[in-house]
C-alpha cells in the first residue's frame, strides 16, 4: 500500500532568487526612483540574456503573449498563419486577437512538433507566415521549414516558449527564423515572474518592436504608428537577472531527475517517455509521458485522476487540443480528420512533476504509484 504525499506535489515550482539578493536589487531600484520605462535593470537584463543566449538582438516584454502580438506587427503579418494545434492556447488566440487566421498543420509522432512535410499543402495566396512551436523544448526541423518559407516568401516566427537555452548542433534555437518568442512566465525553467522576449535576426526588427512596446511613442510624444504598453518593469527585470544566475543549475538538476524518471518507467508496459534528441542541448522544461490505454490498462485521464488521489498533480498538456476549442470550430483545418496525430497525442500525453526542488525519493514514489495504479485494476 502506497501512502499519498502529505501535501500536493505540483507539476512545477518557480525558481526563486535568494531573498537577500533580491532585497538588495530592490533597494537599488528604490534609490533610482525609476520603476519602469526601459530603465537600468531592463537594459542590464537584455544584455545578460543576449549574452546567455548568444543573441545579437533581443528585447524583453511584459509577457510572452504580448511579445507574440508585437512580433506579428513587426513582421507585418496578415491573412493566414500556418501553425500547430498542439500548443498552449496563447499561440492560437493571440493570432485570432490580431485578426490573423490560424491554419492547423498536423504534428510529428516522435517530437510532437509541426510536421514540415505537411506544411506546403496548406499554403494559399493568403498565407504570410509559418509559426512552429518547439514543443516541450524539442527543436523543430528548422532547415526544412526555412526551405519552404524561402520558396513561398513567407515569414517564420517561432514560438520558443518552452525552449529557453536549448541548442541544436551547438546553435541556439532562438536564432532560427525571422523572430523567436521566449516566455518568462513563473512556471518556466527561466522566468521574470511574468514576461517574455523576442530574439531577432536583424536590428531593424528590434528597433520597431522597442518602439511598439512603448505605445509607439517617439521623442517629443509623437505617435507615428499605434503601439501598446508591453514594457517589463524594473522589479521583474531584477528577478530575471538573479534567476539567470541559477538557470544552468536548475537545468542540470532537472536533467538528473529526468534520467531517473526514464530509468524507473522504462519497463512499465504502455508508458512511453521521450528521449534526448541527438545533437540537442535540452533544457528539461517538462517530463512528459504517453499513456497507451490498451497496453497500460488505464487511459491517460484515468491515470491523471489516480495520481491526484495520491496528491500528485500532473497535467494533460496540451488538452483540449487548440483546434478543438469552440472558437476554432469554423476553421476548416481544425477538422479531426486532418489532424490525426495531434488528436491522438492530446489524448495520451501527461506531464509529471519536474523542478529543481523535487527529490529523488519524490520521483521514485511517483513512479511506484504509476506502476501500482495498473496493478490495481
Protein backbone atom coordinates (compact mmCIF):
# COMPACT_ATOMS: atom_id res chain seq x y z
CA UNK A 1 0.00 0.00 0.00
CA UNK A 2 1.43 3.37 -1.06
CA UNK A 3 0.55 6.36 1.10
CA UNK A 4 -0.34 9.63 -0.64
CA UNK A 5 2.05 12.55 -0.43
CA UNK A 6 1.23 14.62 2.67
CA UNK A 7 0.83 17.79 0.60
CA UNK A 8 0.20 18.30 -3.12
CA UNK A 9 3.20 17.67 -5.33
CA UNK A 10 2.70 20.23 -8.07
CA UNK A 11 3.93 19.91 -11.61
CA UNK A 12 6.39 22.75 -11.07
CA UNK A 13 7.72 25.29 -8.59
CA UNK A 14 9.19 28.64 -9.59
CA UNK A 15 12.95 29.03 -9.44
CA UNK A 16 13.45 31.73 -6.80
CA UNK A 17 16.40 34.06 -6.27
CA UNK A 18 17.94 34.48 -2.84
CA UNK A 19 15.67 36.79 -0.80
CA UNK A 20 18.61 38.84 0.45
CA UNK A 21 19.92 39.37 -3.08
CA UNK A 22 16.54 40.46 -4.38
CA UNK A 23 16.17 42.86 -1.45
CA UNK A 24 19.48 44.47 -2.40
CA UNK A 25 18.35 44.77 -6.02
CA UNK A 26 15.05 46.32 -5.00
CA UNK A 27 16.84 48.78 -2.75
CA UNK A 28 18.89 49.97 -5.72
CA UNK A 29 15.69 50.36 -7.76
CA UNK A 30 14.13 52.38 -4.94
CA UNK A 31 17.23 54.55 -4.80
CA UNK A 32 16.98 55.16 -8.55
CA UNK A 33 13.33 56.27 -8.27
CA UNK A 34 12.64 54.63 -11.64
CA UNK A 35 10.34 51.62 -11.68
CA UNK A 36 9.72 51.24 -15.40
CA UNK A 37 10.18 52.86 -18.85
CA UNK A 38 13.23 50.92 -20.03
CA UNK A 39 15.43 51.83 -17.08
CA UNK A 40 18.70 50.32 -15.86
CA UNK A 41 17.54 46.87 -14.76
CA UNK A 42 15.71 46.18 -18.02
CA UNK A 43 18.72 47.25 -20.06
CA UNK A 44 21.00 45.08 -17.93
CA UNK A 45 18.65 42.10 -18.26
CA UNK A 46 18.58 42.42 -22.05
CA UNK A 47 22.40 42.46 -22.14
CA UNK A 48 22.64 39.45 -19.80
CA UNK A 49 20.07 37.43 -21.75
CA UNK A 50 21.65 38.26 -25.09
CA UNK A 51 24.98 37.03 -23.75
CA UNK A 52 23.50 33.84 -22.30
CA UNK A 53 21.58 33.01 -25.48
CA UNK A 54 24.20 34.20 -27.94
CA UNK A 55 21.67 36.64 -29.43
CA UNK A 56 22.66 39.76 -31.35
CA UNK A 57 19.26 41.45 -30.99
CA UNK A 58 16.84 40.86 -28.11
CA UNK A 59 14.02 42.72 -26.36
CA UNK A 60 12.07 41.88 -23.21
CA UNK A 61 8.33 42.35 -22.74
CA UNK A 62 5.64 42.17 -20.08
CA UNK A 63 4.53 38.72 -21.28
CA UNK A 64 5.22 36.16 -23.96
CA UNK A 65 1.77 36.78 -25.42
CA UNK A 66 2.46 40.50 -25.76
CA UNK A 67 5.79 39.64 -27.37
CA UNK A 68 3.98 37.47 -29.93
CA UNK A 69 1.49 40.20 -30.74
CA UNK A 70 4.27 42.70 -31.34
CA UNK A 71 6.10 40.14 -33.48
CA UNK A 72 3.05 39.91 -35.75
CA UNK A 73 3.19 43.66 -36.20
CA UNK A 74 6.91 43.97 -36.93
CA UNK A 75 6.66 41.14 -39.48
CA UNK A 76 3.58 42.87 -40.96
CA UNK A 77 1.58 39.63 -40.99
CA UNK A 78 -1.90 39.38 -42.44
CA UNK A 79 -4.28 36.71 -43.64
CA UNK A 80 -3.28 33.16 -42.71
CA UNK A 81 -0.52 31.77 -40.49
CA UNK A 82 0.28 28.04 -40.59
CA UNK A 83 0.87 26.68 -37.10
CA UNK A 84 0.39 23.66 -34.85
CA UNK A 85 -2.73 22.75 -32.86
CA UNK A 86 -0.55 21.03 -30.22
CA UNK A 87 0.42 24.11 -28.24
CA UNK A 88 -0.74 26.39 -25.43
CA UNK A 89 -3.85 28.45 -26.11
CA UNK A 90 -1.98 31.77 -26.37
CA UNK A 91 -0.24 30.69 -29.57
CA UNK A 92 -3.60 30.45 -31.30
CA UNK A 93 -5.70 33.05 -29.51
CA UNK A 94 -3.06 35.76 -29.99
CA UNK A 95 -3.32 35.19 -33.74
CA UNK A 96 -7.10 35.45 -33.68
CA UNK A 97 -6.95 38.50 -31.39
CA UNK A 98 -4.90 40.19 -34.12
CA UNK A 99 -7.28 39.22 -36.94
CA UNK A 100 -4.95 36.52 -38.24
CA UNK A 101 -6.35 33.14 -39.20
CA UNK A 102 -4.57 30.09 -37.78
CA UNK A 103 -4.22 27.23 -40.25
CA UNK A 104 -3.58 23.99 -38.40
CA UNK A 105 -0.90 21.55 -39.54
CA UNK A 106 -0.57 18.06 -38.07
CA UNK A 107 2.45 17.11 -35.97
CA UNK A 108 5.25 14.55 -35.92
CA UNK A 109 4.68 11.41 -33.87
CA UNK A 110 8.10 11.47 -32.19
CA UNK A 111 8.84 15.16 -31.46
CA UNK A 112 5.20 16.37 -31.30
CA UNK A 113 6.34 19.38 -33.34
CA UNK A 114 4.73 20.65 -36.53
CA UNK A 115 5.30 18.20 -39.39
CA UNK A 116 7.19 20.10 -42.11
CA UNK A 117 6.12 17.54 -44.71
CA UNK A 118 2.50 18.65 -44.19
CA UNK A 119 3.07 22.42 -44.41
CA UNK A 120 3.32 23.03 -48.15
CA UNK A 121 -0.13 21.60 -48.92
CA UNK A 122 -1.68 24.19 -46.57
CA UNK A 123 -0.16 27.27 -48.23
CA UNK A 124 -2.59 29.56 -50.07
CA UNK A 125 -2.42 33.02 -51.59
CA UNK A 126 -3.40 34.38 -48.15
CA UNK A 127 -0.55 32.71 -46.24
CA UNK A 128 2.01 35.17 -44.86
CA UNK A 129 3.88 33.15 -42.24
CA UNK A 130 4.67 29.82 -40.61
CA UNK A 131 4.65 29.75 -36.80
CA UNK A 132 6.13 26.50 -35.49
CA UNK A 133 6.39 25.69 -31.77
CA UNK A 134 9.37 23.95 -30.15
CA UNK A 135 7.08 21.69 -28.11
CA UNK A 136 8.44 20.79 -24.66
CA UNK A 137 11.74 22.32 -25.81
CA UNK A 138 12.28 19.83 -28.66
CA UNK A 139 13.69 21.79 -31.63
CA UNK A 140 11.63 21.86 -34.81
CA UNK A 141 13.14 20.88 -38.15
CA UNK A 142 14.19 24.46 -38.86
CA UNK A 143 16.07 23.62 -42.04
CA UNK A 144 13.04 22.12 -43.79
CA UNK A 145 10.73 24.84 -42.51
CA UNK A 146 13.05 27.60 -43.75
CA UNK A 147 13.32 25.98 -47.18
CA UNK A 148 9.53 26.07 -47.52
CA UNK A 149 9.37 29.66 -46.26
CA UNK A 150 12.02 30.80 -48.73
CA UNK A 151 10.26 29.04 -51.61
CA UNK A 152 7.00 30.88 -50.93
CA UNK A 153 8.45 34.11 -49.48
CA UNK A 154 6.91 33.57 -46.04
CA UNK A 155 8.00 34.88 -42.65
CA UNK A 156 8.95 32.36 -39.95
CA UNK A 157 8.09 33.17 -36.35
CA UNK A 158 8.99 30.56 -33.74
CA UNK A 159 7.06 30.12 -30.52
CA UNK A 160 10.01 29.09 -28.35
CA UNK A 161 8.13 29.46 -25.06
CA UNK A 162 9.47 26.08 -23.85
CA UNK A 163 12.91 26.34 -25.40
CA UNK A 164 14.94 28.74 -23.25
CA UNK A 165 18.62 27.84 -23.56
CA UNK A 166 18.01 24.91 -25.93
CA UNK A 167 20.64 24.35 -28.62
CA UNK A 168 20.89 22.08 -31.62
CA UNK A 169 24.20 21.49 -33.33
CA UNK A 170 25.67 23.99 -30.88
CA UNK A 171 23.34 26.75 -32.13
CA UNK A 172 20.61 28.36 -30.05
CA UNK A 173 17.13 27.54 -31.32
CA UNK A 174 16.18 31.18 -30.71
CA UNK A 175 18.32 32.09 -33.73
CA UNK A 176 16.01 30.28 -36.17
CA UNK A 177 13.63 32.08 -38.50
CA UNK A 178 12.96 35.81 -38.54
CA UNK A 179 11.93 36.08 -34.88
CA UNK A 180 11.67 33.75 -31.89
CA UNK A 181 9.47 34.34 -28.85
CA UNK A 182 10.55 33.18 -25.38
CA UNK A 183 8.17 33.00 -22.42
CA UNK A 184 9.38 34.05 -18.97
CA UNK A 185 6.31 33.01 -17.01
CA UNK A 186 6.98 31.82 -13.46
CA UNK A 187 6.31 28.19 -14.43
CA UNK A 188 9.17 28.13 -16.94
CA UNK A 189 12.76 26.93 -16.47
CA UNK A 190 13.78 30.60 -16.53
CA UNK A 191 11.41 33.41 -15.60
CA UNK A 192 10.87 37.05 -14.69
CA UNK A 193 7.65 36.22 -12.77
CA UNK A 194 5.70 37.27 -15.86
CA UNK A 195 7.40 38.29 -19.06
CA UNK A 196 8.78 37.30 -22.40
CA UNK A 197 11.32 38.18 -25.04
CA UNK A 198 11.82 38.37 -28.77
CA UNK A 199 15.08 37.39 -30.44
CA UNK A 200 15.55 38.86 -33.94
CA UNK A 201 17.78 38.10 -36.90
CA UNK A 202 18.31 41.76 -37.82
CA UNK A 203 18.48 45.08 -35.92
CA UNK A 204 15.60 46.82 -37.69
CA UNK A 205 13.11 44.39 -36.17
CA UNK A 206 14.31 45.18 -32.64
CA UNK A 207 14.10 48.91 -33.23
CA UNK A 208 10.48 48.68 -34.36
CA UNK A 209 9.49 46.27 -31.58
CA UNK A 210 11.02 48.51 -28.90
CA UNK A 211 9.08 51.41 -30.38
CA UNK A 212 5.79 49.48 -30.40
CA UNK A 213 6.14 48.17 -26.81
CA UNK A 214 6.09 51.78 -25.59
CA UNK A 215 2.78 52.94 -27.12
CA UNK A 216 4.53 53.80 -30.40
CA UNK A 217 5.84 56.98 -28.78
CA UNK A 218 8.77 58.86 -30.28
CA UNK A 219 10.79 61.53 -28.52
CA UNK A 220 8.54 64.53 -28.03
CA UNK A 221 5.43 62.38 -27.66
CA UNK A 222 4.57 61.94 -31.33
CA UNK A 223 2.97 58.65 -32.42
CA UNK A 224 3.59 57.59 -35.99
CA UNK A 225 2.28 54.05 -35.54
CA UNK A 226 -0.04 52.80 -32.79
CA UNK A 227 1.72 50.70 -30.17
CA UNK A 228 0.80 49.12 -26.85
CA UNK A 229 2.21 49.04 -23.34
CA UNK A 230 4.36 45.94 -23.45
CA UNK A 231 7.21 47.03 -21.19
CA UNK A 232 8.76 44.89 -18.46
CA UNK A 233 9.19 46.72 -15.15
CA UNK A 234 12.37 47.11 -13.10
CA UNK A 235 11.41 44.77 -10.25
CA UNK A 236 10.66 41.87 -12.59
CA UNK A 237 13.84 42.60 -14.52
CA UNK A 238 15.81 42.39 -11.26
CA UNK A 239 14.25 39.00 -10.54
CA UNK A 240 15.22 37.90 -14.04
CA UNK A 241 18.84 39.00 -13.59
CA UNK A 242 19.17 36.89 -10.45
CA UNK A 243 17.22 33.88 -11.75
CA UNK A 244 19.51 33.78 -14.79
CA UNK A 245 22.45 33.06 -12.48
CA UNK A 246 20.64 29.92 -11.25
CA UNK A 247 19.26 28.70 -14.59
CA UNK A 248 22.09 26.35 -15.52
CA UNK A 249 21.99 24.69 -12.09
CA UNK A 250 18.23 24.25 -12.37
CA UNK A 251 18.56 22.67 -15.81
CA UNK A 252 21.28 20.34 -14.54
CA UNK A 253 19.12 19.13 -11.65
CA UNK A 254 16.14 18.62 -13.97
CA UNK A 255 18.32 16.51 -16.24
CA UNK A 256 19.21 14.21 -13.32
CA UNK A 257 15.54 13.82 -12.38
CA UNK A 258 14.51 13.27 -15.99
CA UNK A 259 17.02 10.44 -16.36
CA UNK A 260 15.76 8.92 -13.10
CA UNK A 261 12.16 9.03 -14.35
CA UNK A 262 13.20 7.40 -17.62
CA UNK A 263 15.10 4.63 -15.84
CA UNK A 264 12.26 3.81 -13.43
CA UNK A 265 9.49 3.88 -16.05
CA UNK A 266 11.41 2.11 -18.82
CA UNK A 267 9.84 -1.29 -18.13
CA UNK A 268 6.28 -0.15 -17.40
CA UNK A 269 4.08 -1.52 -20.22
CA UNK A 270 2.16 1.17 -22.07
CA UNK A 271 4.15 4.11 -20.66
CA UNK A 272 6.49 5.83 -23.10
CA UNK A 273 8.85 8.65 -22.10
CA UNK A 274 10.57 10.99 -24.54
CA UNK A 275 14.28 10.69 -25.29
CA UNK A 276 17.02 13.25 -25.71
CA UNK A 277 17.44 14.15 -29.37
CA UNK A 278 20.82 13.67 -30.99
CA UNK A 279 22.91 16.84 -31.13
CA UNK A 280 20.47 18.76 -28.90
CA UNK A 281 21.30 20.50 -25.63
CA UNK A 282 17.97 20.17 -23.82
CA UNK A 283 16.62 22.35 -21.01
CA UNK A 284 14.38 19.65 -19.47
CA UNK A 285 11.48 22.05 -19.19
CA UNK A 286 8.96 19.20 -18.81
CA UNK A 287 8.91 15.47 -18.20
CA UNK A 288 6.23 14.05 -20.44
CA UNK A 289 4.94 10.52 -20.86
CA UNK A 290 2.45 8.99 -23.27
CA UNK A 291 -0.11 6.53 -21.98
CA UNK A 292 -1.28 3.70 -24.25
CA UNK A 293 -4.60 2.67 -22.74
CA UNK A 294 -4.69 -0.74 -24.43
CA UNK A 295 -1.29 -1.77 -23.05
CA UNK A 296 -1.13 0.10 -19.73
CA UNK A 297 -4.70 -0.73 -18.77
CA UNK A 298 -5.72 2.80 -17.84
CA UNK A 299 -6.29 5.82 -20.06
CA UNK A 300 -4.29 8.98 -19.65
CA UNK A 301 -7.27 10.62 -17.98
CA UNK A 302 -7.69 7.72 -15.58
CA UNK A 303 -4.00 7.84 -14.64
CA UNK A 304 -4.32 11.61 -14.14
CA UNK A 305 -7.16 11.00 -11.67
CA UNK A 306 -5.33 8.16 -9.95
CA UNK A 307 -2.21 10.30 -9.44
CA UNK A 308 -4.36 13.05 -7.98
CA UNK A 309 -5.64 10.59 -5.36
CA UNK A 310 -2.02 10.36 -4.20
CA UNK A 311 -1.58 14.16 -4.19
CA UNK A 312 0.46 14.12 -7.40
CA UNK A 313 -0.69 16.99 -9.61
CA UNK A 314 0.10 16.14 -13.22
CA UNK A 315 -1.08 17.98 -16.34
CA UNK A 316 -2.83 16.97 -19.56
CA UNK A 317 -0.55 19.01 -21.76
CA UNK A 318 -1.94 20.07 -24.26
CA UNK A 319 -5.59 19.25 -23.72
CA UNK A 320 -8.01 20.09 -25.14
CA UNK A 321 -6.23 20.45 -28.46
CA UNK A 322 -6.36 24.06 -29.69
CA UNK A 323 -8.09 23.03 -32.91
CA UNK A 324 -10.93 21.63 -30.79
CA UNK A 325 -11.60 24.95 -29.00
CA UNK A 326 -15.08 26.37 -29.50
CA UNK A 327 -13.58 29.49 -31.09
CA UNK A 328 -11.90 27.33 -33.78
CA UNK A 329 -14.96 25.28 -34.80
CA UNK A 330 -15.39 27.13 -38.11
CA UNK A 331 -11.76 26.70 -39.23
CA UNK A 332 -11.59 24.05 -41.96
CA UNK A 333 -8.09 22.87 -40.98
CA UNK A 334 -9.32 22.20 -37.42
CA UNK A 335 -11.11 19.06 -38.59
CA UNK A 336 -10.07 15.98 -36.60
CA UNK A 337 -9.61 14.07 -39.84
CA UNK A 338 -6.84 16.47 -40.86
CA UNK A 339 -5.03 16.23 -37.51
CA UNK A 340 -4.94 12.54 -36.53
CA UNK A 341 -1.50 12.58 -34.88
CA UNK A 342 -2.21 15.74 -32.87
CA UNK A 343 -5.58 14.48 -31.64
CA UNK A 344 -4.08 11.17 -30.58
CA UNK A 345 -1.25 12.92 -28.70
CA UNK A 346 -3.70 15.22 -26.92
CA UNK A 347 -5.43 12.14 -25.50
CA UNK A 348 -2.22 10.36 -24.43
CA UNK A 349 0.27 12.96 -23.19
CA UNK A 350 0.74 13.59 -19.48
CA UNK A 351 3.31 15.90 -17.88
CA UNK A 352 4.60 14.76 -14.49
CA UNK A 353 6.08 16.95 -11.73
CA UNK A 354 9.55 18.25 -12.59
CA UNK A 355 11.51 21.03 -10.92
CA UNK A 356 14.82 21.51 -9.17
CA UNK A 357 13.46 21.11 -5.65
CA UNK A 358 11.93 17.72 -6.37
CA UNK A 359 13.85 14.96 -4.59
CA UNK A 360 14.98 11.61 -5.96
CA UNK A 361 12.63 9.92 -3.49
CA UNK A 362 9.72 12.03 -4.80
CA UNK A 363 10.36 10.76 -8.32
CA UNK A 364 10.79 7.19 -7.10
CA UNK A 365 7.44 7.35 -5.31
CA UNK A 366 5.65 8.85 -8.31
CA UNK A 367 6.95 6.01 -10.47
CA UNK A 368 5.85 3.44 -7.88
CA UNK A 369 2.36 4.94 -7.95
CA UNK A 370 2.29 4.68 -11.75
CA UNK A 371 3.35 1.03 -11.56
CA UNK A 372 0.88 0.26 -8.75
CA UNK A 373 -2.04 2.02 -10.48
CA UNK A 374 -2.13 -0.50 -13.33
CA UNK A 375 -1.80 -3.46 -10.93
CA UNK A 376 -4.80 -2.22 -9.00
CA UNK A 377 -7.15 -2.70 -11.95
